């Protein structure tokens, strides 16, 4: 089980990303728009830099929803390899057959 503080910090980052997503997208579009003047584009870049760092989507870490483990994460299942193996062994994941020989 991961530290609760690390899991909670990641949840706060996810909330910030969703809160600032529209504003960030609008500022990025302004900064890339060639039809705007150089000053307007530069101002958009400055405003983009003033947004909280944790509002950037790249700051969010993929974590297992069962254990909070940050490594060995399967995006499709939203869980780590260890949790997948345990739940698969117990027969709690439909369609998953764990092979053993």
N, C-alpha and C. Protein backbone atom coordinates (compact mmCIF):
# COMPACT_ATOMS: atom_id res chain seq x y z
N UNK A 1 0.85 -1.17 0.00
CA UNK A 1 0.00 0.00 0.00
C UNK A 1 0.89 1.24 0.00
N UNK A 2 0.58 2.18 -0.86
CA UNK A 2 1.37 3.40 -0.97
C UNK A 2 1.06 4.34 0.20
N UNK A 3 1.94 5.29 0.41
CA UNK A 3 1.70 6.28 1.46
C UNK A 3 0.44 7.07 1.14
N UNK A 4 -0.38 7.30 2.14
CA UNK A 4 -1.63 8.03 1.93
C UNK A 4 -1.36 9.45 1.47
N UNK A 5 -0.28 10.04 1.96
CA UNK A 5 0.03 11.43 1.58
C UNK A 5 0.33 11.53 0.09
N UNK A 6 1.04 10.54 -0.45
CA UNK A 6 1.37 10.56 -1.88
C UNK A 6 0.12 10.38 -2.73
N UNK A 7 -0.78 9.51 -2.29
CA UNK A 7 -2.02 9.28 -3.02
C UNK A 7 -2.89 10.54 -2.98
N UNK A 8 -2.98 11.18 -1.81
CA UNK A 8 -3.79 12.39 -1.67
C UNK A 8 -3.20 13.55 -2.47
N UNK A 9 -1.88 13.66 -2.50
CA UNK A 9 -1.23 14.71 -3.28
C UNK A 9 -1.56 14.55 -4.76
N UNK A 10 -1.57 13.30 -5.22
CA UNK A 10 -1.90 13.03 -6.62
C UNK A 10 -3.36 13.37 -6.91
N UNK A 11 -4.25 13.12 -5.95
CA UNK A 11 -5.66 13.47 -6.12
C UNK A 11 -5.85 14.98 -6.22
N UNK A 12 -5.09 15.72 -5.41
CA UNK A 12 -5.16 17.19 -5.47
C UNK A 12 -4.68 17.69 -6.83
N UNK A 13 -3.63 17.05 -7.36
CA UNK A 13 -3.14 17.42 -8.68
C UNK A 13 -4.20 17.16 -9.75
N UNK A 14 -4.89 16.03 -9.66
CA UNK A 14 -5.94 15.71 -10.62
C UNK A 14 -7.05 16.76 -10.58
N UNK A 15 -7.41 17.21 -9.37
CA UNK A 15 -8.43 18.24 -9.23
C UNK A 15 -7.98 19.56 -9.85
N UNK A 16 -6.71 19.93 -9.64
CA UNK A 16 -6.18 21.16 -10.22
C UNK A 16 -6.15 21.09 -11.73
N UNK A 17 -5.80 19.93 -12.27
CA UNK A 17 -5.76 19.76 -13.72
C UNK A 17 -7.14 19.99 -14.31
N UNK A 18 -8.16 19.39 -13.69
CA UNK A 18 -9.51 19.56 -14.22
C UNK A 18 -10.01 20.99 -14.03
N UNK A 19 -9.59 21.64 -12.96
CA UNK A 19 -10.02 23.02 -12.69
C UNK A 19 -9.47 24.00 -13.72
N UNK A 20 -8.20 23.84 -14.08
CA UNK A 20 -7.53 24.79 -14.97
C UNK A 20 -7.43 24.32 -16.42
N UNK A 21 -8.07 23.21 -16.76
CA UNK A 21 -7.92 22.64 -18.11
C UNK A 21 -8.39 23.60 -19.19
N UNK A 22 -9.56 24.21 -19.01
CA UNK A 22 -10.10 25.11 -20.04
C UNK A 22 -9.22 26.36 -20.20
N UNK A 23 -8.82 26.93 -19.07
CA UNK A 23 -8.00 28.14 -19.11
C UNK A 23 -6.64 27.85 -19.75
N UNK A 24 -6.06 26.72 -19.38
CA UNK A 24 -4.76 26.32 -19.93
C UNK A 24 -4.86 26.10 -21.44
N UNK A 25 -5.93 25.44 -21.89
CA UNK A 25 -6.11 25.18 -23.32
C UNK A 25 -6.28 26.48 -24.10
N UNK A 26 -7.05 27.42 -23.53
CA UNK A 26 -7.26 28.70 -24.21
C UNK A 26 -5.96 29.49 -24.33
N UNK A 27 -5.17 29.53 -23.25
CA UNK A 27 -3.90 30.25 -23.27
C UNK A 27 -2.91 29.60 -24.23
N UNK A 28 -2.89 28.28 -24.29
CA UNK A 28 -1.99 27.59 -25.22
C UNK A 28 -2.38 27.90 -26.66
N UNK A 29 -3.69 27.92 -26.92
CA UNK A 29 -4.15 28.23 -28.27
C UNK A 29 -3.75 29.65 -28.66
N UNK A 30 -3.88 30.60 -27.72
CA UNK A 30 -3.48 31.99 -27.99
C UNK A 30 -1.98 32.08 -28.25
N UNK A 31 -1.19 31.35 -27.47
CA UNK A 31 0.26 31.42 -27.60
C UNK A 31 0.73 30.84 -28.94
N UNK A 32 -0.01 29.88 -29.49
CA UNK A 32 0.38 29.26 -30.75
C UNK A 32 -0.21 29.95 -31.97
N UNK A 33 -1.18 30.83 -31.76
CA UNK A 33 -1.89 31.47 -32.86
C UNK A 33 -0.99 32.49 -33.56
N UNK A 34 -0.67 32.23 -34.82
CA UNK A 34 0.23 33.09 -35.59
C UNK A 34 -0.44 34.40 -36.00
N UNK A 35 -1.77 34.43 -36.02
CA UNK A 35 -2.47 35.65 -36.45
C UNK A 35 -2.43 36.75 -35.39
N UNK A 36 -2.18 36.39 -34.14
CA UNK A 36 -2.09 37.40 -33.07
C UNK A 36 -0.73 38.09 -33.13
N UNK A 37 -0.69 39.26 -32.51
CA UNK A 37 0.58 39.99 -32.48
C UNK A 37 1.56 39.30 -31.52
N UNK A 38 2.81 39.65 -31.64
CA UNK A 38 3.86 39.05 -30.82
C UNK A 38 3.64 39.36 -29.33
N UNK A 39 3.18 40.59 -29.04
CA UNK A 39 2.95 40.99 -27.65
C UNK A 39 1.82 40.18 -27.02
N UNK A 40 0.74 39.96 -27.78
CA UNK A 40 -0.39 39.20 -27.25
C UNK A 40 0.01 37.74 -26.98
N UNK A 41 0.79 37.17 -27.89
CA UNK A 41 1.25 35.80 -27.70
C UNK A 41 2.19 35.69 -26.50
N UNK A 42 3.04 36.70 -26.34
CA UNK A 42 3.96 36.71 -25.20
C UNK A 42 3.20 36.85 -23.89
N UNK A 43 2.17 37.69 -23.88
CA UNK A 43 1.33 37.86 -22.69
C UNK A 43 0.63 36.55 -22.33
N UNK A 44 0.17 35.82 -23.35
CA UNK A 44 -0.47 34.53 -23.11
C UNK A 44 0.52 33.55 -22.49
N UNK A 45 1.76 33.58 -22.97
CA UNK A 45 2.80 32.70 -22.39
C UNK A 45 3.07 33.06 -20.93
N UNK A 46 3.10 34.36 -20.62
CA UNK A 46 3.33 34.78 -19.24
C UNK A 46 2.18 34.34 -18.34
N UNK A 47 0.94 34.47 -18.81
CA UNK A 47 -0.21 34.04 -18.02
C UNK A 47 -0.20 32.52 -17.84
N UNK A 48 0.24 31.82 -18.86
CA UNK A 48 0.35 30.36 -18.77
C UNK A 48 1.38 29.97 -17.70
N UNK A 49 2.46 30.72 -17.63
CA UNK A 49 3.50 30.44 -16.65
C UNK A 49 3.04 30.76 -15.22
N UNK A 50 2.06 31.65 -15.07
CA UNK A 50 1.57 32.02 -13.74
C UNK A 50 0.59 30.99 -13.17
N UNK A 51 0.09 30.08 -14.02
CA UNK A 51 -0.81 29.04 -13.51
C UNK A 51 -0.03 28.12 -12.58
N UNK A 52 -0.72 27.47 -11.63
CA UNK A 52 -0.02 26.56 -10.72
C UNK A 52 0.67 25.42 -11.47
N UNK A 53 1.83 25.05 -11.02
CA UNK A 53 2.57 23.99 -11.70
C UNK A 53 1.82 22.67 -11.66
N UNK A 54 1.14 22.42 -10.55
CA UNK A 54 0.44 21.14 -10.42
C UNK A 54 -0.84 21.09 -11.25
N UNK A 55 -1.14 22.16 -11.98
CA UNK A 55 -2.31 22.13 -12.86
C UNK A 55 -1.95 21.61 -14.25
N UNK A 56 -0.68 21.29 -14.46
CA UNK A 56 -0.26 20.70 -15.74
C UNK A 56 -0.56 19.20 -15.73
N UNK A 57 -1.14 18.68 -16.81
CA UNK A 57 -1.51 17.26 -16.82
C UNK A 57 -0.33 16.30 -16.69
N UNK A 58 0.87 16.73 -17.05
CA UNK A 58 2.02 15.84 -16.95
C UNK A 58 2.47 15.62 -15.51
N UNK A 59 1.99 16.44 -14.58
CA UNK A 59 2.38 16.28 -13.19
C UNK A 59 1.59 15.16 -12.49
N UNK A 60 0.51 14.70 -13.10
CA UNK A 60 -0.31 13.65 -12.50
C UNK A 60 0.36 12.30 -12.75
N UNK A 61 0.44 11.50 -11.71
CA UNK A 61 1.07 10.18 -11.79
C UNK A 61 -0.02 9.12 -11.86
N UNK A 62 0.14 8.16 -12.78
CA UNK A 62 -0.81 7.06 -12.84
C UNK A 62 -0.59 6.16 -11.64
N UNK A 63 -1.64 5.93 -10.86
CA UNK A 63 -1.54 5.09 -9.68
C UNK A 63 -2.63 4.03 -9.68
N UNK A 64 -2.32 2.89 -9.09
CA UNK A 64 -3.27 1.80 -8.95
C UNK A 64 -4.44 2.26 -8.08
N UNK A 65 -5.67 1.98 -8.53
CA UNK A 65 -6.83 2.39 -7.75
C UNK A 65 -7.06 1.48 -6.54
N UNK A 66 -6.46 0.31 -6.55
CA UNK A 66 -6.63 -0.63 -5.44
C UNK A 66 -5.61 -0.34 -4.34
N UNK A 67 -4.33 -0.22 -4.73
CA UNK A 67 -3.27 -0.09 -3.74
C UNK A 67 -2.59 1.28 -3.72
N UNK A 68 -2.70 2.03 -4.80
CA UNK A 68 -2.01 3.31 -4.89
C UNK A 68 -0.59 3.20 -5.40
N UNK A 69 -0.19 2.01 -5.81
CA UNK A 69 1.17 1.77 -6.30
C UNK A 69 1.41 2.55 -7.60
N UNK A 70 2.55 3.29 -7.71
CA UNK A 70 2.80 4.10 -8.90
C UNK A 70 3.48 3.37 -10.04
N UNK A 71 4.05 2.20 -9.79
CA UNK A 71 4.78 1.50 -10.84
C UNK A 71 4.07 0.22 -11.24
N UNK A 72 4.38 -0.27 -12.43
CA UNK A 72 3.76 -1.49 -12.92
C UNK A 72 2.26 -1.30 -13.12
N UNK A 73 1.88 -0.17 -13.73
CA UNK A 73 0.49 0.24 -13.86
C UNK A 73 -0.05 -0.11 -15.24
N UNK A 74 -1.20 -0.76 -15.28
CA UNK A 74 -1.89 -1.05 -16.54
C UNK A 74 -2.98 0.00 -16.74
N UNK A 75 -2.85 0.82 -17.78
CA UNK A 75 -3.80 1.90 -18.01
C UNK A 75 -5.21 1.39 -18.28
N UNK A 76 -5.30 0.33 -19.04
CA UNK A 76 -6.61 -0.20 -19.41
C UNK A 76 -7.41 -0.67 -18.19
N UNK A 77 -6.72 -1.21 -17.21
CA UNK A 77 -7.38 -1.76 -16.02
C UNK A 77 -7.33 -0.81 -14.82
N UNK A 78 -6.49 0.22 -14.91
CA UNK A 78 -6.29 1.19 -13.83
C UNK A 78 -5.83 0.54 -12.53
N UNK A 79 -4.95 -0.46 -12.67
CA UNK A 79 -4.40 -1.10 -11.49
C UNK A 79 -2.99 -1.60 -11.77
N UNK A 80 -2.28 -1.91 -10.70
CA UNK A 80 -0.91 -2.37 -10.84
C UNK A 80 -0.89 -3.86 -11.14
N UNK A 81 0.28 -4.33 -11.57
CA UNK A 81 0.44 -5.73 -11.92
C UNK A 81 0.23 -6.65 -10.73
N UNK A 82 0.59 -6.16 -9.54
CA UNK A 82 0.46 -6.99 -8.34
C UNK A 82 -1.00 -7.14 -7.95
N UNK A 83 -1.75 -6.03 -7.98
CA UNK A 83 -3.17 -6.09 -7.67
C UNK A 83 -3.91 -6.93 -8.70
N UNK A 84 -3.50 -6.82 -9.97
CA UNK A 84 -4.11 -7.61 -11.04
C UNK A 84 -3.90 -9.10 -10.78
N UNK A 85 -2.71 -9.47 -10.39
CA UNK A 85 -2.40 -10.88 -10.12
C UNK A 85 -3.21 -11.41 -8.95
N UNK A 86 -3.29 -10.62 -7.88
CA UNK A 86 -4.04 -11.06 -6.70
C UNK A 86 -5.53 -11.22 -7.00
N UNK A 87 -6.11 -10.22 -7.65
CA UNK A 87 -7.54 -10.29 -7.97
C UNK A 87 -7.82 -11.39 -9.00
N UNK A 88 -6.88 -11.59 -9.93
CA UNK A 88 -7.03 -12.66 -10.91
C UNK A 88 -6.96 -14.02 -10.27
N UNK A 89 -6.10 -14.19 -9.29
CA UNK A 89 -5.98 -15.47 -8.59
C UNK A 89 -7.23 -15.79 -7.79
N UNK A 90 -7.87 -14.76 -7.27
CA UNK A 90 -9.10 -14.95 -6.50
C UNK A 90 -10.32 -15.11 -7.41
N UNK A 91 -10.14 -14.86 -8.72
CA UNK A 91 -11.24 -15.01 -9.66
C UNK A 91 -12.20 -13.83 -9.67
N UNK A 92 -11.71 -12.65 -9.29
CA UNK A 92 -12.58 -11.47 -9.20
C UNK A 92 -12.56 -10.61 -10.45
N UNK A 93 -11.74 -10.97 -11.43
CA UNK A 93 -11.71 -10.22 -12.69
C UNK A 93 -12.29 -11.10 -13.78
N UNK A 94 -13.47 -10.74 -14.31
CA UNK A 94 -14.10 -11.60 -15.32
C UNK A 94 -13.27 -11.68 -16.61
N UNK A 95 -13.15 -12.89 -17.12
CA UNK A 95 -12.43 -13.11 -18.37
C UNK A 95 -10.94 -13.31 -18.20
N UNK A 96 -10.41 -13.12 -17.00
CA UNK A 96 -8.97 -13.28 -16.79
C UNK A 96 -8.70 -14.68 -16.25
N UNK A 97 -7.82 -15.38 -16.93
CA UNK A 97 -7.43 -16.71 -16.49
C UNK A 97 -5.93 -16.68 -16.22
N UNK A 98 -5.55 -16.91 -14.97
CA UNK A 98 -4.14 -16.92 -14.62
C UNK A 98 -3.59 -18.32 -14.89
N UNK A 99 -2.56 -18.36 -15.70
CA UNK A 99 -1.99 -19.67 -16.03
C UNK A 99 -0.98 -20.07 -14.95
N UNK A 100 -0.94 -21.35 -14.68
CA UNK A 100 0.07 -21.88 -13.77
C UNK A 100 0.47 -23.26 -14.25
N UNK A 101 1.73 -23.61 -14.14
CA UNK A 101 2.21 -24.90 -14.61
C UNK A 101 3.24 -25.46 -13.68
